Amino acid sequence: MFAVASYYGGEAMKFQSQIDRLGVETVDAILINSTNSNELDLHGLHIPEVNSILSAYFNRKSEELRRSVGKRKLVLDIITGYGATKGVQGRIKPTVIQYLKQKNFTYVSINTQ
């Protein structure tokens, strides 16, 4: 029994490693695609990915705002998706709102449903 448990434990570690690597690749791809854009599409992601992307994206955008002379604000569109399926409350939008509040950003929530 120990050998079987050990085998499947090793397989689980391999899969977790793949999941972690793909998560990093996803974050990188989204940031590359949104570098020159004021739109950030987060729907379909998991919360850890959302937090990583928000942090990196806002670091880049705040640097862009500092370099732009005469601008006092920057408008960004953050797409979170509908979030709720089968009565389950979505988690991406509340995570984004919490992040914006913590950073003292002004935001407007727009529902397109």
Protein backbone atom coordinates (compact mmCIF):
# COMPACT_ATOMS: atom_id res chain seq x y z
CA MET A 1 0.00 0.00 0.00
CA PHE A 2 2.85 2.39 0.82
CA ALA A 3 4.32 1.97 -2.67
CA VAL A 4 0.99 2.88 -4.30
CA ALA A 5 0.54 5.93 -2.07
CA SER A 6 4.10 6.99 -2.74
CA TYR A 7 3.62 6.64 -6.51
CA TYR A 8 0.44 8.73 -6.57
CA GLY A 9 1.99 11.29 -4.25
CA GLY A 10 4.82 11.72 -6.74
CA GLU A 11 2.36 12.00 -9.63
CA ALA A 12 0.40 14.66 -7.74
CA MET A 13 3.59 16.65 -7.23
CA LYS A 14 4.33 16.48 -10.97
CA PHE A 15 0.84 17.72 -11.83
CA GLN A 16 1.08 20.53 -9.28
CA SER A 17 4.38 21.59 -10.80
CA GLN A 18 2.77 21.68 -14.25
CA ILE A 19 -0.18 23.69 -12.90
CA ASP A 20 2.18 26.21 -11.27
CA ARG A 21 4.24 26.58 -14.46
CA LEU A 22 1.13 27.08 -16.60
CA GLY A 23 -0.17 29.64 -14.12
CA VAL A 24 3.03 31.67 -14.48
CA GLU A 25 2.86 31.37 -18.27
CA THR A 26 -0.77 32.56 -18.20
CA VAL A 27 0.13 35.61 -16.13
CA ASP A 28 3.02 36.43 -18.48
CA ALA A 29 0.85 36.07 -21.60
CA ILE A 30 -1.89 38.31 -20.22
CA LEU A 31 0.60 40.98 -19.24
CA ILE A 32 2.28 40.86 -22.64
CA ASN A 33 -1.08 41.20 -24.40
CA SER A 34 -2.16 44.12 -22.21
CA THR A 35 1.12 46.06 -22.08
CA ASN A 36 0.04 48.77 -24.50
CA SER A 37 -3.62 48.61 -23.61
CA ASN A 38 -5.86 50.16 -21.00
CA GLU A 39 -7.96 47.01 -20.90
CA LEU A 40 -7.24 44.03 -18.69
CA ASP A 41 -9.31 40.88 -19.20
CA LEU A 42 -9.31 38.63 -16.12
CA HIS A 43 -12.34 36.45 -16.68
CA GLY A 44 -11.73 32.74 -16.43
CA LEU A 45 -8.68 33.07 -14.17
CA HIS A 46 -8.08 31.83 -10.64
CA ILE A 47 -7.67 34.19 -7.70
CA PRO A 48 -3.88 33.71 -7.25
CA GLU A 49 -3.39 34.54 -10.95
CA VAL A 50 -5.66 37.58 -10.63
CA ASN A 51 -3.65 38.93 -7.70
CA SER A 52 -0.34 38.48 -9.54
CA ILE A 53 -1.66 40.11 -12.69
CA LEU A 54 -3.23 43.07 -10.88
CA SER A 55 -0.03 43.80 -9.01
CA ALA A 56 2.20 43.64 -12.09
CA TYR A 57 -0.29 45.49 -14.32
CA PHE A 58 -0.77 48.38 -11.90
CA ASN A 59 2.97 48.66 -11.33
CA ARG A 60 3.42 49.13 -15.08
CA LYS A 61 0.50 51.52 -15.40
CA SER A 62 1.54 53.65 -12.43
CA GLU A 63 4.98 54.00 -14.01
CA GLU A 64 3.30 55.01 -17.28
CA LEU A 65 1.22 57.61 -15.44
CA ARG A 66 4.29 59.05 -13.72
CA ARG A 67 6.02 59.48 -17.08
CA SER A 68 3.07 61.16 -18.77
CA VAL A 69 3.31 64.90 -18.25
CA GLY A 70 0.09 66.79 -17.57
CA LYS A 71 -2.15 63.75 -17.03
CA ARG A 72 -3.81 63.48 -13.68
CA LYS A 73 -5.63 60.23 -14.15
CA LEU A 74 -5.61 57.08 -16.18
CA VAL A 75 -8.79 55.19 -17.06
CA LEU A 76 -8.45 51.41 -17.21
CA ASP A 77 -11.09 48.82 -18.05
CA ILE A 78 -10.85 45.63 -16.02
CA ILE A 79 -13.02 42.80 -17.32
CA THR A 80 -13.92 40.25 -14.67
CA GLY A 81 -16.67 38.32 -16.43
CA TYR A 82 -20.07 37.53 -14.98
CA GLY A 83 -18.59 35.40 -12.25
CA ALA A 84 -21.71 33.72 -10.96
CA THR A 85 -22.67 30.25 -12.12
CA LYS A 86 -25.49 28.14 -10.78
CA GLY A 87 -26.09 30.46 -7.85
CA VAL A 88 -22.44 30.58 -6.78
CA GLN A 89 -21.11 34.10 -6.23
CA GLY A 90 -18.21 35.07 -8.47
CA ARG A 91 -14.83 35.66 -6.82
CA ILE A 92 -12.81 37.63 -9.35
CA LYS A 93 -14.79 40.88 -9.17
CA PRO A 94 -14.73 41.07 -5.34
CA THR A 95 -10.99 40.34 -5.44
CA VAL A 96 -10.42 43.17 -7.93
CA ILE A 97 -12.56 45.58 -5.90
CA GLN A 98 -10.69 44.68 -2.71
CA TYR A 99 -7.36 45.26 -4.47
CA LEU A 100 -8.49 48.66 -5.79
CA LYS A 101 -9.71 49.73 -2.35
CA GLN A 102 -6.45 48.65 -0.69
CA LYS A 103 -4.49 50.74 -3.20
CA ASN A 104 -6.88 53.72 -2.82
CA PHE A 105 -7.86 53.67 -6.50
CA THR A 106 -11.16 55.19 -7.54
CA TYR A 107 -13.34 52.72 -9.44
CA VAL A 108 -16.76 52.40 -11.01
CA SER A 109 -18.39 49.02 -11.31
CA ILE A 110 -20.38 48.56 -14.51
CA ASN A 111 -22.62 45.55 -15.03
CA THR A 112 -23.22 44.69 -18.65
CA GLN A 113 -25.79 41.95 -18.06
